[in-house]
């Protein structure tokens, strides 16, 4: 299974939705909390080209946010991406 990385903040409902989907599928992920860390948020923005959270990567592929992750699931493409 490819590694999953998700940049989050503590109060973000979309972050909670994305993590809930990954947890429901028993997908381990590395969570990087940028709530109070400007350096980590800057890193996320540089890598993603976006400033909103969550920002999610599967392996080296930037998936986008929670809506993007759920769209992959609805399209039946998420499991294949995770498997690589």
Protein backbone atom coordinates (compact mmCIF):
# COMPACT_ATOMS: atom_id res chain seq x y z
CA UNK A 1 0.00 0.00 0.00
CA UNK A 2 1.29 3.45 -0.89
CA UNK A 3 1.93 5.83 2.00
CA UNK A 4 -0.72 8.48 2.61
CA UNK A 5 0.10 11.93 3.97
CA UNK A 6 -2.54 14.41 5.05
CA UNK A 7 -1.97 17.99 6.19
CA UNK A 8 -4.68 19.06 8.64
CA UNK A 9 -5.77 21.56 11.26
CA UNK A 10 -7.51 20.69 14.50
CA UNK A 11 -10.78 22.50 13.77
CA UNK A 12 -11.26 21.60 10.10
CA UNK A 13 -14.42 19.53 9.42
CA UNK A 14 -13.11 18.54 5.97
CA UNK A 15 -9.96 17.16 7.60
CA UNK A 16 -12.11 15.06 9.91
CA UNK A 17 -14.15 13.76 6.93
CA UNK A 18 -11.03 12.79 5.00
CA UNK A 19 -9.49 11.02 8.01
CA UNK A 20 -12.79 9.24 8.71
CA UNK A 21 -12.84 7.85 5.15
CA UNK A 22 -9.24 6.66 5.43
CA UNK A 23 -9.91 5.13 8.85
CA UNK A 24 -13.06 3.39 7.57
CA UNK A 25 -10.94 1.80 4.85
CA UNK A 26 -8.22 0.89 7.43
CA UNK A 27 -5.70 3.01 5.54
CA UNK A 28 -2.78 4.14 7.70
CA UNK A 29 -1.73 7.73 7.16
CA UNK A 30 0.77 10.28 8.37
CA UNK A 31 -1.03 13.33 9.69
CA UNK A 32 0.83 16.62 9.69
CA UNK A 33 -1.01 19.14 11.87
CA UNK A 34 -0.35 22.69 10.65
CA UNK A 35 -2.71 24.34 13.16
CA UNK A 36 -0.08 26.37 14.98
CA UNK A 37 2.96 25.80 12.78
CA UNK A 38 3.55 28.42 10.08
CA UNK A 39 6.62 26.59 8.78
CA UNK A 40 4.66 23.38 8.15
CA UNK A 41 1.78 25.33 6.57
CA UNK A 42 4.25 27.09 4.26
CA UNK A 43 5.71 23.68 3.34
CA UNK A 44 2.22 22.38 2.54
CA UNK A 45 1.37 25.44 0.45
CA UNK A 46 4.61 25.15 -1.50
CA UNK A 47 4.07 21.44 -2.22
CA UNK A 48 0.34 21.65 -2.97
CA UNK A 49 0.05 25.09 -4.48
CA UNK A 50 -3.00 25.52 -2.25
CA UNK A 51 -3.52 27.07 1.17
CA UNK A 52 -6.59 25.16 2.35
CA UNK A 53 -6.64 21.99 4.43
CA UNK A 54 -6.69 19.12 4.17
CA UNK A 55 -4.11 18.50 1.48
CA UNK A 56 -3.64 14.81 0.77
CA UNK A 57 -0.96 12.79 -1.00
CA UNK A 58 -1.04 9.13 -1.93
CA UNK A 59 2.56 8.21 -2.50
CA UNK A 60 3.97 11.07 -4.58
CA UNK A 61 0.57 11.94 -6.10
CA UNK A 62 -1.19 15.03 -4.78
CA UNK A 63 -4.85 14.08 -4.50
CA UNK A 64 -6.11 17.46 -3.30
CA UNK A 65 -8.60 17.93 -0.49
CA UNK A 66 -11.38 15.98 1.17
CA UNK A 67 -13.85 16.46 -1.68
CA UNK A 68 -11.24 15.15 -4.13
CA UNK A 69 -10.55 12.10 -1.94
CA UNK A 70 -14.28 11.33 -1.65
CA UNK A 71 -14.72 11.78 -5.41
CA UNK A 72 -12.02 9.16 -6.01
CA UNK A 73 -13.85 6.81 -3.65
CA UNK A 74 -17.21 7.38 -5.39
CA UNK A 75 -15.59 6.78 -8.78
CA UNK A 76 -14.11 3.49 -7.53
CA UNK A 77 -10.55 4.71 -8.12
CA UNK A 78 -9.27 5.22 -4.57
CA UNK A 79 -8.43 1.58 -3.81
CA UNK A 80 -6.37 1.27 -6.99
CA UNK A 81 -4.45 4.45 -6.17
CA UNK A 82 -3.73 3.19 -2.67
CA UNK A 83 -2.57 -0.19 -3.95
CA UNK A 84 -0.30 1.41 -6.53
